[in-house]
Amino acid sequence: MTAPDPLLANCRRLFLRDYEVWINIGVHEFEKRAEQRVIINVDLWVPLALSTPRADELEEVVDYDFIRRTIAQRLSKGHIHLQETLCDELLTQLLDHPKVQAVRLSTAKPDVYPDCAAVGVEVFRSK
């Protein structure tokens, strides 16, 4: 996969694929009473100059746990109405990491309609 922005050509892409969570999300009353399955995908771009390990140590790179921890912290805050809001908040928090140059993040609700795989939102931003 190529970088969506030519300025990210000298970056390493880290990703979290198909992370399934059950959360309270939605604007309808029935959505406020029960959790829904949401699939989260994240791509982070980190400049090679900031992410090429010299001593094969975890501290030299962006740890995958950072992505999961950031998501878990936001989800622990409770109900959210819109996927757009969730995506924007997560993107901002992930982009705050000093080594991260860009983030692409999507959320998908796979159980909304019986005649499609999912409905969702994707956002991309670079510094």
N, C-alpha and C. Protein backbone atom coordinates (compact mmCIF):
# COMPACT_ATOMS: atom_id res chain seq x y z
N MET A 1 0.85 -1.18 0.00
CA MET A 1 0.00 0.00 0.00
C MET A 1 0.89 1.23 0.00
N THR A 2 0.59 2.17 -0.86
CA THR A 2 1.36 3.40 -0.90
C THR A 2 0.81 4.40 0.10
N ALA A 3 1.64 5.31 0.51
CA ALA A 3 1.22 6.35 1.45
C ALA A 3 0.24 7.28 0.75
N PRO A 4 -0.80 7.73 1.44
CA PRO A 4 -1.78 8.62 0.82
C PRO A 4 -1.26 10.04 0.61
N ASP A 5 -0.09 10.33 1.08
CA ASP A 5 0.49 11.67 0.98
C ASP A 5 1.96 11.49 0.60
N PRO A 6 2.43 12.13 -0.49
CA PRO A 6 3.82 11.95 -0.91
C PRO A 6 4.84 12.32 0.18
N LEU A 7 4.45 13.19 1.10
CA LEU A 7 5.36 13.58 2.18
C LEU A 7 5.63 12.43 3.15
N LEU A 8 4.85 11.35 3.03
CA LEU A 8 5.02 10.21 3.94
C LEU A 8 5.82 9.08 3.30
N ALA A 9 6.43 9.34 2.16
CA ALA A 9 7.16 8.30 1.44
C ALA A 9 8.31 7.71 2.25
N ASN A 10 8.93 8.47 3.12
CA ASN A 10 10.05 7.98 3.93
C ASN A 10 9.60 7.61 5.33
N CYS A 11 8.43 7.00 5.40
CA CYS A 11 7.86 6.61 6.68
C CYS A 11 7.64 5.11 6.74
N ARG A 12 7.61 4.63 7.95
CA ARG A 12 7.20 3.26 8.24
C ARG A 12 5.72 3.32 8.58
N ARG A 13 4.93 2.36 8.07
CA ARG A 13 3.50 2.31 8.39
C ARG A 13 3.26 1.20 9.39
N LEU A 14 2.71 1.57 10.54
CA LEU A 14 2.29 0.60 11.54
C LEU A 14 0.79 0.47 11.43
N PHE A 15 0.25 -0.71 11.71
CA PHE A 15 -1.19 -0.83 11.60
C PHE A 15 -1.78 -1.78 12.63
N LEU A 16 -3.05 -1.53 12.90
CA LEU A 16 -3.88 -2.38 13.74
C LEU A 16 -5.08 -2.72 12.86
N ARG A 17 -5.29 -3.98 12.58
CA ARG A 17 -6.31 -4.43 11.64
C ARG A 17 -7.47 -5.11 12.34
N ASP A 18 -8.67 -4.71 11.95
CA ASP A 18 -9.91 -5.38 12.34
C ASP A 18 -10.02 -5.62 13.85
N TYR A 19 -9.74 -4.57 14.60
CA TYR A 19 -9.83 -4.62 16.05
C TYR A 19 -11.31 -4.53 16.43
N GLU A 20 -11.85 -5.62 16.95
CA GLU A 20 -13.27 -5.69 17.26
C GLU A 20 -13.52 -5.31 18.71
N VAL A 21 -14.40 -4.32 18.88
CA VAL A 21 -14.78 -3.87 20.22
C VAL A 21 -16.31 -3.83 20.29
N TRP A 22 -16.83 -3.94 21.50
CA TRP A 22 -18.26 -3.79 21.75
C TRP A 22 -18.43 -2.53 22.57
N ILE A 23 -19.12 -1.53 22.01
CA ILE A 23 -19.23 -0.23 22.68
C ILE A 23 -20.64 0.33 22.56
N ASN A 24 -20.92 1.29 23.42
CA ASN A 24 -22.17 2.05 23.34
C ASN A 24 -21.95 3.20 22.39
N ILE A 25 -22.56 3.09 21.20
CA ILE A 25 -22.41 4.12 20.18
C ILE A 25 -23.71 4.22 19.40
N GLY A 26 -24.11 5.45 19.11
CA GLY A 26 -25.30 5.65 18.30
C GLY A 26 -26.21 6.72 18.86
N VAL A 27 -27.07 7.25 17.99
CA VAL A 27 -27.96 8.34 18.37
C VAL A 27 -29.37 7.86 18.69
N HIS A 28 -29.72 6.67 18.26
CA HIS A 28 -31.07 6.16 18.50
C HIS A 28 -31.19 5.58 19.90
N GLU A 29 -32.39 5.63 20.46
CA GLU A 29 -32.60 5.14 21.83
C GLU A 29 -32.17 3.69 22.00
N PHE A 30 -32.50 2.83 21.04
CA PHE A 30 -32.10 1.42 21.17
C PHE A 30 -30.59 1.26 21.16
N GLU A 31 -29.87 2.18 20.51
CA GLU A 31 -28.41 2.13 20.49
C GLU A 31 -27.82 2.58 21.82
N LYS A 32 -28.56 3.38 22.54
CA LYS A 32 -28.07 3.88 23.82
C LYS A 32 -28.23 2.86 24.93
N ARG A 33 -29.03 1.82 24.68
CA ARG A 33 -29.30 0.82 25.71
C ARG A 33 -28.45 -0.44 25.59
N ALA A 34 -27.76 -0.61 24.49
CA ALA A 34 -26.99 -1.84 24.30
C ALA A 34 -25.70 -1.55 23.53
N GLU A 35 -24.73 -2.38 23.75
CA GLU A 35 -23.47 -2.24 23.03
C GLU A 35 -23.62 -2.74 21.60
N GLN A 36 -22.80 -2.18 20.72
CA GLN A 36 -22.74 -2.61 19.32
C GLN A 36 -21.32 -3.02 18.99
N ARG A 37 -21.23 -3.91 18.04
CA ARG A 37 -19.91 -4.33 17.56
C ARG A 37 -19.39 -3.26 16.60
N VAL A 38 -18.15 -2.85 16.84
CA VAL A 38 -17.48 -1.87 15.99
C VAL A 38 -16.10 -2.42 15.64
N ILE A 39 -15.74 -2.30 14.38
CA ILE A 39 -14.43 -2.74 13.91
C ILE A 39 -13.57 -1.50 13.66
N ILE A 40 -12.40 -1.47 14.27
CA ILE A 40 -11.51 -0.31 14.16
C ILE A 40 -10.24 -0.72 13.41
N ASN A 41 -9.85 0.11 12.45
CA ASN A 41 -8.59 -0.07 11.73
C ASN A 41 -7.78 1.20 11.83
N VAL A 42 -6.49 1.04 12.09
CA VAL A 42 -5.60 2.19 12.29
C VAL A 42 -4.32 1.98 11.48
N ASP A 43 -3.90 3.04 10.79
CA ASP A 43 -2.58 3.09 10.17
C ASP A 43 -1.87 4.30 10.74
N LEU A 44 -0.64 4.11 11.20
CA LEU A 44 0.20 5.21 11.68
C LEU A 44 1.43 5.28 10.78
N TRP A 45 1.82 6.48 10.41
CA TRP A 45 3.06 6.67 9.66
C TRP A 45 4.06 7.36 10.57
N VAL A 46 5.24 6.74 10.66
CA VAL A 46 6.32 7.25 11.51
C VAL A 46 7.55 7.41 10.62
N PRO A 47 8.18 8.59 10.61
CA PRO A 47 9.38 8.77 9.79
C PRO A 47 10.43 7.69 10.10
N LEU A 48 11.04 7.17 9.06
CA LEU A 48 12.07 6.14 9.25
C LEU A 48 13.18 6.63 10.16
N ALA A 49 13.49 7.90 10.10
CA ALA A 49 14.53 8.46 10.96
C ALA A 49 14.18 8.33 12.44
N LEU A 50 12.88 8.24 12.75
CA LEU A 50 12.44 8.13 14.15
C LEU A 50 12.01 6.72 14.53
N SER A 51 12.05 5.79 13.59
CA SER A 51 11.51 4.47 13.88
C SER A 51 12.39 3.32 13.41
N THR A 52 13.62 3.61 13.09
CA THR A 52 14.53 2.55 12.66
C THR A 52 15.38 2.13 13.86
N PRO A 53 15.11 0.96 14.40
CA PRO A 53 15.85 0.54 15.59
C PRO A 53 17.33 0.28 15.29
N ARG A 54 18.16 0.79 16.16
CA ARG A 54 19.61 0.57 16.04
C ARG A 54 20.06 -0.54 16.99
N ALA A 55 19.38 -0.62 18.15
CA ALA A 55 19.77 -1.60 19.17
C ALA A 55 18.70 -2.68 19.38
N ASP A 56 17.70 -2.73 18.47
CA ASP A 56 16.64 -3.74 18.55
C ASP A 56 15.88 -3.64 19.88
N GLU A 57 15.59 -2.40 20.29
CA GLU A 57 14.91 -2.15 21.56
C GLU A 57 13.55 -1.50 21.31
N LEU A 58 12.56 -1.86 22.10
CA LEU A 58 11.20 -1.37 21.96
C LEU A 58 11.12 0.15 22.06
N GLU A 59 11.93 0.76 22.88
CA GLU A 59 11.90 2.21 23.08
C GLU A 59 12.25 2.98 21.80
N GLU A 60 12.83 2.31 20.84
CA GLU A 60 13.25 2.97 19.60
C GLU A 60 12.11 3.14 18.59
N VAL A 61 11.00 2.50 18.83
CA VAL A 61 9.89 2.50 17.88
C VAL A 61 8.59 2.92 18.58
N VAL A 62 7.53 3.07 17.81
CA VAL A 62 6.21 3.30 18.38
C VAL A 62 5.63 1.92 18.70
N ASP A 63 5.31 1.72 19.95
CA ASP A 63 4.81 0.42 20.43
C ASP A 63 3.36 0.23 20.01
N TYR A 64 3.02 -0.95 19.50
CA TYR A 64 1.64 -1.25 19.11
C TYR A 64 0.67 -1.06 20.28
N ASP A 65 1.15 -1.31 21.49
CA ASP A 65 0.29 -1.15 22.66
C ASP A 65 -0.22 0.29 22.78
N PHE A 66 0.55 1.24 22.29
CA PHE A 66 0.12 2.64 22.31
C PHE A 66 -1.21 2.80 21.55
N ILE A 67 -1.36 2.13 20.43
CA ILE A 67 -2.58 2.23 19.64
C ILE A 67 -3.77 1.65 20.42
N ARG A 68 -3.61 0.45 20.91
CA ARG A 68 -4.70 -0.21 21.66
C ARG A 68 -5.03 0.54 22.94
N ARG A 69 -4.03 1.02 23.63
CA ARG A 69 -4.24 1.75 24.88
C ARG A 69 -5.01 3.06 24.62
N THR A 70 -4.66 3.76 23.56
CA THR A 70 -5.34 5.00 23.20
C THR A 70 -6.82 4.73 22.90
N ILE A 71 -7.09 3.67 22.17
CA ILE A 71 -8.48 3.31 21.86
C ILE A 71 -9.22 2.94 23.14
N ALA A 72 -8.61 2.10 23.96
CA ALA A 72 -9.27 1.65 25.20
C ALA A 72 -9.58 2.82 26.13
N GLN A 73 -8.66 3.77 26.23
CA GLN A 73 -8.89 4.93 27.10
C GLN A 73 -10.10 5.73 26.62
N ARG A 74 -10.22 5.94 25.32
CA ARG A 74 -11.38 6.69 24.81
C ARG A 74 -12.67 5.91 25.03
N LEU A 75 -12.64 4.62 24.74
CA LEU A 75 -13.85 3.81 24.88
C LEU A 75 -14.31 3.72 26.32
N SER A 76 -13.39 3.81 27.26
CA SER A 76 -13.75 3.72 28.68
C SER A 76 -14.53 4.94 29.16
N LYS A 77 -14.55 5.99 28.37
CA LYS A 77 -15.26 7.22 28.77
C LYS A 77 -16.77 7.13 28.58
N GLY A 78 -17.26 6.06 27.97
CA GLY A 78 -18.70 5.87 27.86
C GLY A 78 -19.26 6.17 26.49
N HIS A 79 -20.59 6.28 26.45
CA HIS A 79 -21.36 6.40 25.22
C HIS A 79 -20.89 7.56 24.34
N ILE A 80 -20.91 7.29 23.05
CA ILE A 80 -20.61 8.32 22.06
C ILE A 80 -21.68 8.23 20.98
N HIS A 81 -22.12 9.36 20.49
CA HIS A 81 -23.21 9.36 19.51
C HIS A 81 -22.76 8.95 18.10
N LEU A 82 -21.68 9.55 17.61
CA LEU A 82 -21.34 9.41 16.20
C LEU A 82 -19.99 8.74 15.96
N GLN A 83 -19.94 7.91 14.91
CA GLN A 83 -18.66 7.34 14.50
C GLN A 83 -17.69 8.45 14.10
N GLU A 84 -18.20 9.51 13.50
CA GLU A 84 -17.34 10.63 13.10
C GLU A 84 -16.62 11.22 14.31
N THR A 85 -17.35 11.39 15.41
CA THR A 85 -16.74 11.93 16.62
C THR A 85 -15.69 10.99 17.17
N LEU A 86 -16.01 9.71 17.22
CA LEU A 86 -15.06 8.72 17.71
C LEU A 86 -13.79 8.73 16.86
N CYS A 87 -13.95 8.70 15.54
CA CYS A 87 -12.78 8.72 14.65
C CYS A 87 -11.93 9.97 14.86
N ASP A 88 -12.58 11.12 14.93
CA ASP A 88 -11.84 12.38 15.09
C ASP A 88 -11.08 12.42 16.40
N GLU A 89 -11.72 11.98 17.48
CA GLU A 89 -11.06 12.00 18.79
C GLU A 89 -9.87 11.04 18.81
N LEU A 90 -10.05 9.84 18.31
CA LEU A 90 -8.94 8.87 18.29
C LEU A 90 -7.81 9.36 17.41
N LEU A 91 -8.14 9.90 16.24
CA LEU A 91 -7.11 10.40 15.33
C LEU A 91 -6.28 11.49 16.01
N THR A 92 -6.93 12.42 16.67
CA THR A 92 -6.22 13.50 17.35
C THR A 92 -5.30 12.96 18.43
N GLN A 93 -5.77 12.01 19.22
CA GLN A 93 -4.96 11.44 20.30
C GLN A 93 -3.76 10.67 19.75
N LEU A 94 -3.97 9.91 18.69
CA LEU A 94 -2.86 9.15 18.10
C LEU A 94 -1.85 10.08 17.45
N LEU A 95 -2.32 11.13 16.82
CA LEU A 95 -1.42 12.07 16.15
C LEU A 95 -0.63 12.91 17.14
N ASP A 96 -1.07 12.95 18.39
CA ASP A 96 -0.33 13.68 19.43
C ASP A 96 1.00 13.01 19.79
N HIS A 97 1.16 11.74 19.45
CA HIS A 97 2.43 11.05 19.75
C HIS A 97 3.55 11.77 18.99
N PRO A 98 4.65 12.09 19.65
CA PRO A 98 5.71 12.88 19.00
C PRO A 98 6.35 12.22 17.79
N LYS A 99 6.32 10.90 17.69
CA LYS A 99 6.94 10.23 16.54
C LYS A 99 5.97 10.02 15.38
N VAL A 100 4.68 10.15 15.61
CA VAL A 100 3.68 9.85 14.58
C VAL A 100 3.52 11.06 13.66
N GLN A 101 3.68 10.82 12.36
CA GLN A 101 3.57 11.87 11.35
C GLN A 101 2.17 11.95 10.74
N ALA A 102 1.49 10.81 10.65
CA ALA A 102 0.15 10.80 10.05
C ALA A 102 -0.64 9.60 10.57
N VAL A 103 -1.96 9.74 10.50
CA VAL A 103 -2.86 8.68 10.97
C VAL A 103 -4.01 8.54 9.98
N ARG A 104 -4.32 7.29 9.67
CA ARG A 104 -5.57 6.97 8.98
C ARG A 104 -6.31 6.03 9.91
N LEU A 105 -7.58 6.31 10.15
CA LEU A 105 -8.35 5.54 11.10
C LEU A 105 -9.76 5.36 10.57
N SER A 106 -10.29 4.16 10.74
CA SER A 106 -11.68 3.92 10.34
C SER A 106 -12.40 3.14 11.42
N THR A 107 -13.71 3.39 11.49
CA THR A 107 -14.59 2.59 12.32
C THR A 107 -15.69 2.07 11.41
N ALA A 108 -16.17 0.88 11.72
CA ALA A 108 -17.25 0.28 10.94
C ALA A 108 -18.20 -0.44 11.88
N LYS A 109 -19.48 -0.28 11.62
CA LYS A 109 -20.52 -0.99 12.36
C LYS A 109 -21.06 -2.07 11.41
N PRO A 110 -20.66 -3.33 11.63
CA PRO A 110 -21.01 -4.39 10.68
C PRO A 110 -22.42 -4.95 10.83
N ASP A 111 -23.11 -4.59 11.87
CA ASP A 111 -24.40 -5.22 12.13
C ASP A 111 -25.59 -4.29 11.94
N VAL A 112 -25.41 -3.16 11.26
CA VAL A 112 -26.49 -2.18 11.12
C VAL A 112 -27.52 -2.61 10.09
N TYR A 113 -27.07 -2.98 8.91
CA TYR A 113 -27.98 -3.35 7.82
C TYR A 113 -27.70 -4.79 7.39
N PRO A 114 -28.75 -5.55 7.11
CA PRO A 114 -28.54 -6.95 6.71
C PRO A 114 -28.04 -7.10 5.28
N ASP A 115 -28.14 -6.05 4.46
CA ASP A 115 -27.78 -6.18 3.05
C ASP A 115 -26.43 -5.55 2.69
N CYS A 116 -25.60 -5.27 3.70
CA CYS A 116 -24.25 -4.77 3.41
C CYS A 116 -23.30 -5.23 4.52
N ALA A 117 -22.03 -5.22 4.21
CA ALA A 117 -21.02 -5.71 5.17
C ALA A 117 -20.87 -4.78 6.37
N ALA A 118 -20.96 -3.46 6.15
CA ALA A 118 -20.76 -2.51 7.26
C ALA A 118 -21.06 -1.10 6.78
N VAL A 119 -21.27 -0.23 7.76
CA VAL A 119 -21.30 1.21 7.52
C VAL A 119 -20.23 1.82 8.40
N GLY A 120 -19.56 2.85 7.87
CA GLY A 120 -18.47 3.37 8.69
C GLY A 120 -17.95 4.71 8.22
N VAL A 121 -16.86 5.08 8.86
CA VAL A 121 -16.22 6.38 8.65
C VAL A 121 -14.72 6.17 8.61
N GLU A 122 -14.03 6.93 7.74
CA GLU A 122 -12.58 6.90 7.70
C GLU A 122 -12.06 8.34 7.67
N VAL A 123 -10.99 8.58 8.43
CA VAL A 123 -10.35 9.89 8.44
C VAL A 123 -8.85 9.72 8.26
N PHE A 124 -8.23 10.74 7.68
CA PHE A 124 -6.77 10.78 7.51
C PHE A 124 -6.31 12.18 7.82
N ARG A 125 -5.19 12.26 8.54
CA ARG A 125 -4.58 13.56 8.80
C ARG A 125 -3.09 13.39 8.99
N SER A 126 -2.31 14.36 8.50
CA SER A 126 -0.87 14.36 8.75
C SER A 126 -0.50 15.68 9.42
N LYS A 127 0.66 15.68 10.06
CA LYS A 127 1.13 16.90 10.74
C LYS A 127 1.66 17.88 9.73
